Amino acid sequence: MKDYFKFDERLGIRIPVFSKPWDEYSDSEQQEILMLWEGIRGRIPDRIAELEDIINEKQVQLGNELDFPRSCQLNSEISEHASIINDLWLWYRTNQKVSQKGHF
């Protein structure tokens, strides 16, 4: 079986990587890809919840932090986690119609 997905360290999920245009995959390959993607896509809300928990912890730390450089660091970390959540939602929403459209 080919590997149609690679693990993205930043997002914490596997994302599609295709070696050719979608239309050049056979119907059975397309169905396999879609089935694998739906399994990955179904875990995205759990990954988002994990990141939201991290953000909440960092916000508590930020609320108690008196050291300005550390506050800046916490703000930066919160912002990065929020950016990851945004990207995950884009993957989740963009591809929920993939079976209707037939491509990523």
PDB file of N, CA and C in Angstrom:
ATOM      1  N   MET A   1       0.844  -1.192   0.000  1.00  0.00           N
ATOM      2  CA  MET A   1       0.000   0.000   0.000  1.00  0.00           C
ATOM      3  C   MET A   1       0.881   1.244   0.000  1.00  0.00           C
ATOM      4  N   LYS A   2       0.539   2.187  -0.839  1.00  0.00           N
ATOM      5  CA  LYS A   2       1.268   3.450  -0.897  1.00  0.00           C
ATOM      6  C   LYS A   2       0.941   4.303   0.315  1.00  0.00           C
ATOM      7  N   ASP A   3       1.856   5.202   0.619  1.00  0.00           N
ATOM      8  CA  ASP A   3       1.614   6.132   1.719  1.00  0.00           C
ATOM      9  C   ASP A   3       1.220   7.474   1.114  1.00  0.00           C
ATOM     10  N   TYR A   4      -0.044   7.819   1.245  1.00  0.00           N
ATOM     11  CA  TYR A   4      -0.577   9.047   0.668  1.00  0.00           C
ATOM     12  C   TYR A   4      -0.551  10.214   1.644  1.00  0.00           C
ATOM     13  N   PHE A   5      -0.050   9.964   2.855  1.00  0.00           N
ATOM     14  CA  PHE A   5      -0.048  10.970   3.908  1.00  0.00           C
ATOM     15  C   PHE A   5       1.298  10.993   4.604  1.00  0.00           C
ATOM     16  N   LYS A   6       1.676  12.176   5.078  1.00  0.00           N
ATOM     17  CA  LYS A   6       2.901  12.293   5.877  1.00  0.00           C
ATOM     18  C   LYS A   6       2.552  12.998   7.184  1.00  0.00           C
ATOM     19  N   PHE A   7       3.292  12.657   8.219  1.00  0.00           N
ATOM     20  CA  PHE A   7       3.042  13.261   9.516  1.00  0.00           C
ATOM     21  C   PHE A   7       3.600  14.677   9.530  1.00  0.00           C
ATOM     22  N   ASP A   8       2.763  15.622   9.914  1.00  0.00           N
ATOM     23  CA  ASP A   8       3.167  17.024  10.055  1.00  0.00           C
ATOM     24  C   ASP A   8       3.416  17.280  11.534  1.00  0.00           C
ATOM     25  N   GLU A   9       4.670  17.506  11.892  1.00  0.00           N
ATOM     26  CA  GLU A   9       5.053  17.704  13.291  1.00  0.00           C
ATOM     27  C   GLU A   9       4.303  18.877  13.921  1.00  0.00           C
ATOM     28  N   ARG A  10       4.188  19.960  13.196  1.00  0.00           N
ATOM     29  CA  ARG A  10       3.545  21.152  13.743  1.00  0.00           C
ATOM     30  C   ARG A  10       2.078  20.901  14.051  1.00  0.00           C
ATOM     31  N   LEU A  11       1.369  20.286  13.121  1.00  0.00           N
ATOM     32  CA  LEU A  11      -0.058  20.058  13.299  1.00  0.00           C
ATOM     33  C   LEU A  11      -0.353  18.860  14.190  1.00  0.00           C
ATOM     34  N   GLY A  12       0.554  17.908  14.210  1.00  0.00           N
ATOM     35  CA  GLY A  12       0.336  16.708  15.007  1.00  0.00           C
ATOM     36  C   GLY A  12      -0.601  15.710  14.348  1.00  0.00           C
ATOM     37  N   ILE A  13      -0.772  15.820  13.033  1.00  0.00           N
ATOM     38  CA  ILE A  13      -1.606  14.885  12.273  1.00  0.00           C
ATOM     39  C   ILE A  13      -0.900  14.556  10.966  1.00  0.00           C
ATOM     40  N   ARG A  14      -1.410  13.534  10.310  1.00  0.00           N
ATOM     41  CA  ARG A  14      -0.922  13.207   8.971  1.00  0.00           C
ATOM     42  C   ARG A  14      -1.732  14.028   7.964  1.00  0.00           C
ATOM     43  N   ILE A  15      -1.028  14.557   6.970  1.00  0.00           N
ATOM     44  CA  ILE A  15      -1.696  15.364   5.945  1.00  0.00           C
ATOM     45  C   ILE A  15      -1.450  14.744   4.567  1.00  0.00           C
ATOM     46  N   PRO A  16      -2.338  15.006   3.627  1.00  0.00           N
ATOM     47  CA  PRO A  16      -2.191  14.419   2.292  1.00  0.00           C
ATOM     48  C   PRO A  16      -0.961  14.938   1.557  1.00  0.00           C
ATOM     49  N   VAL A  17      -0.279  14.033   0.904  1.00  0.00           N
ATOM     50  CA  VAL A  17       0.811  14.374  -0.026  1.00  0.00           C
ATOM     51  C   VAL A  17       0.659  13.452  -1.226  1.00  0.00           C
ATOM     52  N   PHE A  18       0.386  14.023  -2.352  1.00  0.00           N
ATOM     53  CA  PHE A  18       0.137  13.225  -3.544  1.00  0.00           C
ATOM     54  C   PHE A  18       1.282  13.374  -4.532  1.00  0.00           C
ATOM     55  N   SER A  19       1.602  12.270  -5.181  1.00  0.00           N
ATOM     56  CA  SER A  19       2.691  12.271  -6.150  1.00  0.00           C
ATOM     57  C   SER A  19       2.212  12.595  -7.561  1.00  0.00           C
ATOM     58  N   LYS A  20       0.883  12.692  -7.705  1.00  0.00           N
ATOM     59  CA  LYS A  20       0.313  12.997  -9.022  1.00  0.00           C
ATOM     60  C   LYS A  20      -1.042  13.655  -8.816  1.00  0.00           C
ATOM     61  N   PRO A  21      -1.593  14.236  -9.869  1.00  0.00           N
ATOM     62  CA  PRO A  21      -2.918  14.862  -9.748  1.00  0.00           C
ATOM     63  C   PRO A  21      -3.981  13.841  -9.336  1.00  0.00           C
ATOM     64  N   TRP A  22      -4.990  14.314  -8.610  1.00  0.00           N
ATOM     65  CA  TRP A  22      -6.053  13.462  -8.082  1.00  0.00           C
ATOM     66  C   TRP A  22      -6.693  12.593  -9.170  1.00  0.00           C
ATOM     67  N   ASP A  23      -6.952  13.178 -10.329  1.00  0.00           N
ATOM     68  CA  ASP A  23      -7.629  12.466 -11.421  1.00  0.00           C
ATOM     69  C   ASP A  23      -6.816  11.296 -11.968  1.00  0.00           C
ATOM     70  N   GLU A  24      -5.525  11.273 -11.692  1.00  0.00           N
ATOM     71  CA  GLU A  24      -4.680  10.186 -12.195  1.00  0.00           C
ATOM     72  C   GLU A  24      -4.669   8.971 -11.267  1.00  0.00           C
ATOM     73  N   TYR A  25      -5.288   9.093 -10.106  1.00  0.00           N
ATOM     74  CA  TYR A  25      -5.424   7.941  -9.219  1.00  0.00           C
ATOM     75  C   TYR A  25      -6.629   7.128  -9.665  1.00  0.00           C
ATOM     76  N   SER A  26      -6.516   5.812  -9.551  1.00  0.00           N
ATOM     77  CA  SER A  26      -7.647   4.953  -9.914  1.00  0.00           C
ATOM     78  C   SER A  26      -8.782   5.176  -8.921  1.00  0.00           C
ATOM     79  N   ASP A  27      -9.968   4.731  -9.303  1.00  0.00           N
ATOM     80  CA  ASP A  27     -11.126   4.858  -8.408  1.00  0.00           C
ATOM     81  C   ASP A  27     -10.861   4.158  -7.081  1.00  0.00           C
ATOM     82  N   SER A  28     -10.232   2.980  -7.132  1.00  0.00           N
ATOM     83  CA  SER A  28      -9.965   2.255  -5.885  1.00  0.00           C
ATOM     84  C   SER A  28      -8.943   3.000  -5.026  1.00  0.00           C
ATOM     85  N   GLU A  29      -7.926   3.613  -5.654  1.00  0.00           N
ATOM     86  CA  GLU A  29      -6.954   4.409  -4.897  1.00  0.00           C
ATOM     87  C   GLU A  29      -7.636   5.623  -4.265  1.00  0.00           C
ATOM     88  N   GLN A  30      -8.500   6.280  -5.054  1.00  0.00           N
ATOM     89  CA  GLN A  30      -9.207   7.438  -4.517  1.00  0.00           C
ATOM     90  C   GLN A  30     -10.062   7.039  -3.319  1.00  0.00           C
ATOM     91  N   GLN A  31     -10.737   5.922  -3.411  1.00  0.00           N
ATOM     92  CA  GLN A  31     -11.571   5.465  -2.298  1.00  0.00           C
ATOM     93  C   GLN A  31     -10.720   5.129  -1.072  1.00  0.00           C
ATOM     94  N   GLU A  32      -9.558   4.512  -1.307  1.00  0.00           N
ATOM     95  CA  GLU A  32      -8.659   4.195  -0.198  1.00  0.00           C
ATOM     96  C   GLU A  32      -8.159   5.474   0.479  1.00  0.00           C
ATOM     97  N   ILE A  33      -7.781   6.444  -0.334  1.00  0.00           N
ATOM     98  CA  ILE A  33      -7.299   7.726   0.191  1.00  0.00           C
ATOM     99  C   ILE A  33      -8.395   8.407   1.005  1.00  0.00           C
ATOM    100  N   LEU A  34      -9.602   8.438   0.453  1.00  0.00           N
ATOM    101  CA  LEU A  34     -10.716   9.079   1.159  1.00  0.00           C
ATOM    102  C   LEU A  34     -11.026   8.381   2.480  1.00  0.00           C
ATOM    103  N   MET A  35     -10.962   7.057   2.477  1.00  0.00           N
ATOM    104  CA  MET A  35     -11.223   6.308   3.700  1.00  0.00           C
ATOM    105  C   MET A  35     -10.146   6.614   4.759  1.00  0.00           C
ATOM    106  N   LEU A  36      -8.889   6.629   4.335  1.00  0.00           N
ATOM    107  CA  LEU A  36      -7.802   6.952   5.261  1.00  0.00           C
ATOM    108  C   LEU A  36      -7.951   8.383   5.779  1.00  0.00           C
ATOM    109  N   TRP A  37      -8.285   9.303   4.865  1.00  0.00           N
ATOM    110  CA  TRP A  37      -8.422  10.698   5.267  1.00  0.00           C
ATOM    111  C   TRP A  37      -9.543  10.885   6.288  1.00  0.00           C
ATOM    112  N   GLU A  38     -10.653  10.222   6.080  1.00  0.00           N
ATOM    113  CA  GLU A  38     -11.764  10.369   7.030  1.00  0.00           C
ATOM    114  C   GLU A  38     -11.358   9.901   8.423  1.00  0.00           C
ATOM    115  N   GLY A  39     -10.517   8.873   8.509  1.00  0.00           N
ATOM    116  CA  GLY A  39     -10.005   8.436   9.807  1.00  0.00           C
ATOM    117  C   GLY A  39      -9.131   9.498  10.449  1.00  0.00           C
ATOM    118  N   ILE A  40      -8.272  10.107   9.650  1.00  0.00           N
ATOM    119  CA  ILE A  40      -7.399  11.175  10.150  1.00  0.00           C
ATOM    120  C   ILE A  40      -8.238  12.394  10.523  1.00  0.00           C
ATOM    121  N   ARG A  41      -9.120  12.776   9.628  1.00  0.00           N
ATOM    122  CA  ARG A  41      -9.968  13.958   9.828  1.00  0.00           C
ATOM    123  C   ARG A  41     -10.807  13.822  11.093  1.00  0.00           C
ATOM    124  N   GLY A  42     -11.256  12.628  11.381  1.00  0.00           N
ATOM    125  CA  GLY A  42     -12.073  12.396  12.566  1.00  0.00           C
ATOM    126  C   GLY A  42     -11.333  12.629  13.874  1.00  0.00           C
ATOM    127  N   ARG A  43     -10.004  12.604  13.823  1.00  0.00           N
ATOM    128  CA  ARG A  43      -9.205  12.848  15.032  1.00  0.00           C
ATOM    129  C   ARG A  43      -8.812  14.316  15.206  1.00  0.00           C
ATOM    130  N   ILE A  44      -9.078  15.136  14.217  1.00  0.00           N
ATOM    131  CA  ILE A  44      -8.693  16.553  14.302  1.00  0.00           C
ATOM    132  C   ILE A  44      -9.356  17.265  15.484  1.00  0.00           C
ATOM    133  N   PRO A  45     -10.651  17.094  15.742  1.00  0.00           N
ATOM    134  CA  PRO A  45     -11.237  17.779  16.908  1.00  0.00           C
ATOM    135  C   PRO A  45     -10.564  17.390  18.234  1.00  0.00           C
ATOM    136  N   ASP A  46     -10.124  16.146  18.361  1.00  0.00           N
ATOM    137  CA  ASP A  46      -9.405  15.741  19.575  1.00  0.00           C
ATOM    138  C   ASP A  46      -8.065  16.452  19.683  1.00  0.00           C
ATOM    139  N   ARG A  47      -7.383  16.586  18.562  1.00  0.00           N
ATOM    140  CA  ARG A  47      -6.098  17.298  18.551  1.00  0.00           C
ATOM    141  C   ARG A  47      -6.316  18.763  18.923  1.00  0.00           C
ATOM    142  N   ILE A  48      -7.378  19.366  18.417  1.00  0.00           N
ATOM    143  CA  ILE A  48      -7.699  20.753  18.746  1.00  0.00           C
ATOM    144  C   ILE A  48      -7.978  20.885  20.238  1.00  0.00           C
ATOM    145  N   ALA A  49      -8.708  19.947  20.803  1.00  0.00           N
ATOM    146  CA  ALA A  49      -9.004  19.981  22.240  1.00  0.00           C
ATOM    147  C   ALA A  49      -7.717  19.901  23.064  1.00  0.00           C
ATOM    148  N   GLU A  50      -6.765  19.078  22.631  1.00  0.00           N
ATOM    149  CA  GLU A  50      -5.474  18.992  23.323  1.00  0.00           C
ATOM    150  C   GLU A  50      -4.776  20.351  23.327  1.00  0.00           C
ATOM    151  N   LEU A  51      -4.770  20.991  22.179  1.00  0.00           N
ATOM    152  CA  LEU A  51      -4.108  22.299  22.064  1.00  0.00           C
ATOM    153  C   LEU A  51      -4.837  23.360  22.880  1.00  0.00           C
ATOM    154  N   GLU A  52      -6.159  23.296  22.908  1.00  0.00           N
ATOM    155  CA  GLU A  52      -6.917  24.257  23.724  1.00  0.00           C
ATOM    156  C   GLU A  52      -6.585  24.087  25.203  1.00  0.00           C
ATOM    157  N   ASP A  53      -6.397  22.850  25.650  1.00  0.00           N
ATOM    158  CA  ASP A  53      -5.994  22.613  27.041  1.00  0.00           C
ATOM    159  C   ASP A  53      -4.630  23.241  27.331  1.00  0.00           C
ATOM    160  N   ILE A  54      -3.710  23.102  26.390  1.00  0.00           N
ATOM    161  CA  ILE A  54      -2.377  23.695  26.550  1.00  0.00           C
ATOM    162  C   ILE A  54      -2.487  25.208  26.623  1.00  0.00           C
ATOM    163  N   ILE A  55      -3.296  25.786  25.733  1.00  0.00           N
ATOM    164  CA  ILE A  55      -3.493  27.240  25.740  1.00  0.00           C
ATOM    165  C   ILE A  55      -4.069  27.688  27.076  1.00  0.00           C
ATOM    166  N   ASN A  56      -5.064  26.977  27.581  1.00  0.00           N
ATOM    167  CA  ASN A  56      -5.666  27.349  28.865  1.00  0.00           C
ATOM    168  C   ASN A  56      -4.647  27.319  29.991  1.00  0.00           C
ATOM    169  N   GLU A  57      -3.781  26.310  29.999  1.00  0.00           N
ATOM    170  CA  GLU A  57      -2.734  26.232  31.013  1.00  0.00           C
ATOM    171  C   GLU A  57      -1.781  27.420  30.911  1.00  0.00           C
ATOM    172  N   LYS A  58      -1.403  27.740  29.686  1.00  0.00           N
ATOM    173  CA  LYS A  58      -0.479  28.859  29.470  1.00  0.00           C
ATOM    174  C   LYS A  58      -1.128  30.193  29.830  1.00  0.00           C
ATOM    175  N   GLN A  59      -2.428  30.322  29.620  1.00  0.00           N
ATOM    176  CA  GLN A  59      -3.119  31.553  30.002  1.00  0.00           C
ATOM    177  C   GLN A  59      -3.150  31.718  31.519  1.00  0.00           C
ATOM    178  N   VAL A  60      -3.299  30.611  32.228  1.00  0.00           N
ATOM    179  CA  VAL A  60      -3.238  30.673  33.692  1.00  0.00           C
ATOM    180  C   VAL A  60      -1.840  31.106  34.126  1.00  0.00           C
ATOM    181  N   GLN A  61      -0.821  30.516  33.505  1.00  0.00           N
ATOM    182  CA  GLN A  61       0.555  30.901  33.822  1.00  0.00           C
ATOM    183  C   GLN A  61       0.781  32.382  33.529  1.00  0.00           C
ATOM    184  N   LEU A  62       0.261  32.824  32.390  1.00  0.00           N
ATOM    185  CA  LEU A  62       0.415  34.218  31.988  1.00  0.00           C
ATOM    186  C   LEU A  62      -0.241  35.158  32.997  1.00  0.00           C
ATOM    187  N   GLY A  63      -1.400  34.757  33.500  1.00  0.00           N
ATOM    188  CA  GLY A  63      -2.102  35.587  34.471  1.00  0.00           C
ATOM    189  C   GLY A  63      -1.343  35.756  35.777  1.00  0.00           C
ATOM    190  N   ASN A  64      -0.443  34.829  36.065  1.00  0.00           N
ATOM    191  CA  ASN A  64       0.334  34.871  37.305  1.00  0.00           C
ATOM    192  C   ASN A  64       1.778  35.308  37.092  1.00  0.00           C
ATOM    193  N   GLU A  65       2.143  35.571  35.847  1.00  0.00           N
ATOM    194  CA  GLU A  65       3.536  35.859  35.527  1.00  0.00           C
ATOM    195  C   GLU A  65       3.861  37.341  35.725  1.00  0.00           C
ATOM    196  N   LEU A  66       4.933  37.605  36.466  1.00  0.00           N
ATOM    197  CA  LEU A  66       5.376  38.976  36.708  1.00  0.00           C
ATOM    198  C   LEU A  66       6.592  39.347  35.865  1.00  0.00           C
ATOM    199  N   ASP A  67       7.270  38.360  35.342  1.00  0.00           N
ATOM    200  CA  ASP A  67       8.471  38.592  34.543  1.00  0.00           C
ATOM    201  C   ASP A  67       8.062  38.906  33.095  1.00  0.00           C
ATOM    202  N   PHE A  68       8.384  40.120  32.639  1.00  0.00           N
ATOM    203  CA  PHE A  68       7.942  40.560  31.316  1.00  0.00           C
ATOM    204  C   PHE A  68       8.453  39.669  30.185  1.00  0.00           C
ATOM    205  N   PRO A  69       9.744  39.329  30.142  1.00  0.00           N
ATOM    206  CA  PRO A  69      10.195  38.451  29.055  1.00  0.00           C
ATOM    207  C   PRO A  69       9.473  37.091  29.044  1.00  0.00           C
ATOM    208  N   ARG A  70       9.212  36.544  30.226  1.00  0.00           N
ATOM    209  CA  ARG A  70       8.485  35.275  30.296  1.00  0.00           C
ATOM    210  C   ARG A  70       7.041  35.459  29.815  1.00  0.00           C
ATOM    211  N   SER A  71       6.434  36.604  30.138  1.00  0.00           N
ATOM    212  CA  SER A  71       5.085  36.899  29.651  1.00  0.00           C
ATOM    213  C   SER A  71       5.057  36.946  28.128  1.00  0.00           C
ATOM    214  N   CYS A  72       6.077  37.560  27.558  1.00  0.00           N
ATOM    215  CA  CYS A  72       6.162  37.627  26.097  1.00  0.00           C
ATOM    216  C   CYS A  72       6.304  36.231  25.504  1.00  0.00           C
ATOM    217  N   GLN A  73       7.109  35.398  26.147  1.00  0.00           N
ATOM    218  CA  GLN A  73       7.291  34.027  25.683  1.00  0.00           C
ATOM    219  C   GLN A  73       5.972  33.249  25.739  1.00  0.00           C
ATOM    220  N   LEU A  74       5.254  33.381  26.849  1.00  0.00           N
ATOM    221  CA  LEU A  74       3.965  32.701  26.981  1.00  0.00           C
ATOM    222  C   LEU A  74       2.974  33.180  25.920  1.00  0.00           C
ATOM    223  N   ASN A  75       2.942  34.483  25.688  1.00  0.00           N
ATOM    224  CA  ASN A  75       2.069  35.033  24.642  1.00  0.00           C
ATOM    225  C   ASN A  75       2.416  34.456  23.275  1.00  0.00           C
ATOM    226  N   SER A  76       3.691  34.342  23.012  1.00  0.00           N
ATOM    227  CA  SER A  76       4.144  33.774  21.743  1.00  0.00           C
ATOM    228  C   SER A  76       3.712  32.313  21.613  1.00  0.00           C
ATOM    229  N   GLU A  77       3.861  31.550  22.679  1.00  0.00           N
ATOM    230  CA  GLU A  77       3.463  30.145  22.666  1.00  0.00           C
ATOM    231  C   GLU A  77       1.947  30.001  22.485  1.00  0.00           C
ATOM    232  N   ILE A  78       1.192  30.839  23.157  1.00  0.00           N
ATOM    233  CA  ILE A  78      -0.267  30.823  23.014  1.00  0.00           C
ATOM    234  C   ILE A  78      -0.649  31.138  21.575  1.00  0.00           C
ATOM    235  N   SER A  79      -0.009  32.132  21.010  1.00  0.00           N
ATOM    236  CA  SER A  79      -0.284  32.521  19.624  1.00  0.00           C
ATOM    237  C   SER A  79       0.037  31.385  18.651  1.00  0.00           C
ATOM    238  N   GLU A  80       1.145  30.713  18.864  1.00  0.00           N
ATOM    239  CA  GLU A  80       1.517  29.602  17.980  1.00  0.00           C
ATOM    240  C   GLU A  80       0.508  28.458  18.076  1.00  0.00           C
ATOM    241  N   HIS A  81       0.088  28.135  19.282  1.00  0.00           N
ATOM    242  CA  HIS A  81      -0.904  27.076  19.450  1.00  0.00           C
ATOM    243  C   HIS A  81      -2.240  27.469  18.799  1.00  0.00           C
ATOM    244  N   ALA A  82      -2.623  28.724  18.929  1.00  0.00           N
ATOM    245  CA  ALA A  82      -3.854  29.207  18.296  1.00  0.00           C
ATOM    246  C   ALA A  82      -3.737  29.123  16.770  1.00  0.00           C
ATOM    247  N   SER A  83      -2.561  29.411  16.248  1.00  0.00           N
ATOM    248  CA  SER A  83      -2.333  29.315  14.807  1.00  0.00           C
ATOM    249  C   SER A  83      -2.457  27.867  14.327  1.00  0.00           C
ATOM    250  N   ILE A  84      -1.954  26.936  15.114  1.00  0.00           N
ATOM    251  CA  ILE A  84      -2.069  25.523  14.769  1.00  0.00           C
ATOM    252  C   ILE A  84      -3.540  25.108  14.764  1.00  0.00           C
ATOM    253  N   ILE A  85      -4.281  25.557  15.777  1.00  0.00           N
ATOM    254  CA  ILE A  85      -5.714  25.248  15.836  1.00  0.00           C
ATOM    255  C   ILE A  85      -6.419  25.779  14.589  1.00  0.00           C
ATOM    256  N   ASN A  86      -6.097  26.998  14.198  1.00  0.00           N
ATOM    257  CA  ASN A  86      -6.696  27.575  12.995  1.00  0.00           C
ATOM    258  C   ASN A  86      -6.392  26.711  11.770  1.00  0.00           C
ATOM    259  N   ASP A  87      -5.148  26.296  11.621  1.00  0.00           N
ATOM    260  CA  ASP A  87      -4.779  25.452  10.482  1.00  0.00           C
ATOM    261  C   ASP A  87      -5.495  24.105  10.519  1.00  0.00           C
ATOM    262  N   LEU A  88      -5.629  23.535  11.710  1.00  0.00           N
ATOM    263  CA  LEU A  88      -6.337  22.264  11.831  1.00  0.00           C
ATOM    264  C   LEU A  88      -7.800  22.410  11.429  1.00  0.00           C
ATOM    265  N   TRP A  89      -8.431  23.498  11.865  1.00  0.00           N
ATOM    266  CA  TRP A  89      -9.825  23.717  11.456  1.00  0.00           C
ATOM    267  C   TRP A  89      -9.930  23.878   9.946  1.00  0.00           C
ATOM    268  N   LEU A  90      -8.951  24.529   9.334  1.00  0.00           N
ATOM    269  CA  LEU A  90      -8.965  24.663   7.872  1.00  0.00           C
ATOM    270  C   LEU A  90      -8.907  23.294   7.205  1.00  0.00           C
ATOM    271  N   TRP A  91      -8.023  22.432   7.681  1.00  0.00           N
ATOM    272  CA  TRP A  91      -7.955  21.076   7.135  1.00  0.00           C
ATOM    273  C   TRP A  91      -9.274  20.352   7.361  1.00  0.00           C
ATOM    274  N   TYR A  92      -9.827  20.489   8.531  1.00  0.00           N
ATOM    275  CA  TYR A  92     -11.061  19.788   8.870  1.00  0.00           C
ATOM    276  C   TYR A  92     -12.222  20.240   7.983  1.00  0.00           C
ATOM    277  N   ARG A  93     -12.388  21.556   7.855  1.00  0.00           N
ATOM    278  CA  ARG A  93     -13.519  22.090   7.089  1.00  0.00           C
ATOM    279  C   ARG A  93     -13.311  21.986   5.590  1.00  0.00           C
ATOM    280  N   THR A  94     -12.114  22.272   5.136  1.00  0.00           N
ATOM    281  CA  THR A  94     -11.850  22.252   3.697  1.00  0.00           C
ATOM    282  C   THR A  94     -12.114  20.882   3.116  1.00  0.00           C
ATOM    283  N   ASN A  95     -11.788  19.858   3.862  1.00  0.00           N
ATOM    284  CA  ASN A  95     -11.866  18.521   3.313  1.00  0.00           C
ATOM    285  C   ASN A  95     -13.104  17.753   3.716  1.00  0.00           C
ATOM    286  N   GLN A  96     -14.044  18.391   4.392  1.00  0.00           N
ATOM    287  CA  GLN A  96     -15.263  17.665   4.735  1.00  0.00           C
ATOM    288  C   GLN A  96     -16.113  17.411   3.499  1.00  0.00           C
ATOM    289  N   LYS A  97     -15.851  18.145   2.443  1.00  0.00           N
ATOM    290  CA  LYS A  97     -16.617  17.964   1.206  1.00  0.00           C
ATOM    291  C   LYS A  97     -15.814  17.203   0.157  1.00  0.00           C
ATOM    292  N   VAL A  98     -14.695  16.619   0.574  1.00  0.00           N
ATOM    293  CA  VAL A  98     -13.804  15.999  -0.389  1.00  0.00           C
ATOM    294  C   VAL A  98     -14.479  14.876  -1.172  1.00  0.00           C
ATOM    295  N   SER A  99     -15.333  14.114  -0.537  1.00  0.00           N
ATOM    296  CA  SER A  99     -15.979  13.028  -1.269  1.00  0.00           C
ATOM    297  C   SER A  99     -16.996  13.561  -2.282  1.00  0.00           C
ATOM    298  N   GLN A 100     -17.517  14.748  -2.035  1.00  0.00           N
ATOM    299  CA  GLN A 100     -18.461  15.347  -2.983  1.00  0.00           C
ATOM    300  C   GLN A 100     -17.705  15.923  -4.180  1.00  0.00           C
ATOM    301  N   LYS A 101     -16.586  16.580  -3.899  1.00  0.00           N
ATOM    302  CA  LYS A 101     -15.820  17.218  -4.948  1.00  0.00           C
ATOM    303  C   LYS A 101     -14.909  16.218  -5.665  1.00  0.00           C
ATOM    304  N   GLY A 102     -14.425  15.234  -4.915  1.00  0.00           N
ATOM    305  CA  GLY A 102     -13.541  14.247  -5.525  1.00  0.00           C
ATOM    306  C   GLY A 102     -12.084  14.638  -5.526  1.00  0.00           C
ATOM    307  N   HIS A 103     -11.692  15.664  -4.783  1.00  0.00           N
ATOM    308  CA  HIS A 103     -10.285  16.032  -4.701  1.00  0.00           C
ATOM    309  C   HIS A 103     -10.016  16.826  -3.441  1.00  0.00           C
ATOM    310  N   PHE A 104      -8.730  16.929  -3.102  1.00  0.00           N
ATOM    311  CA  PHE A 104      -8.310  17.699  -1.932  1.00  0.00           C
ATOM    312  C   PHE A 104      -8.039  19.114  -2.327  1.00  0.00           C
TER     313      PHE A 104
END
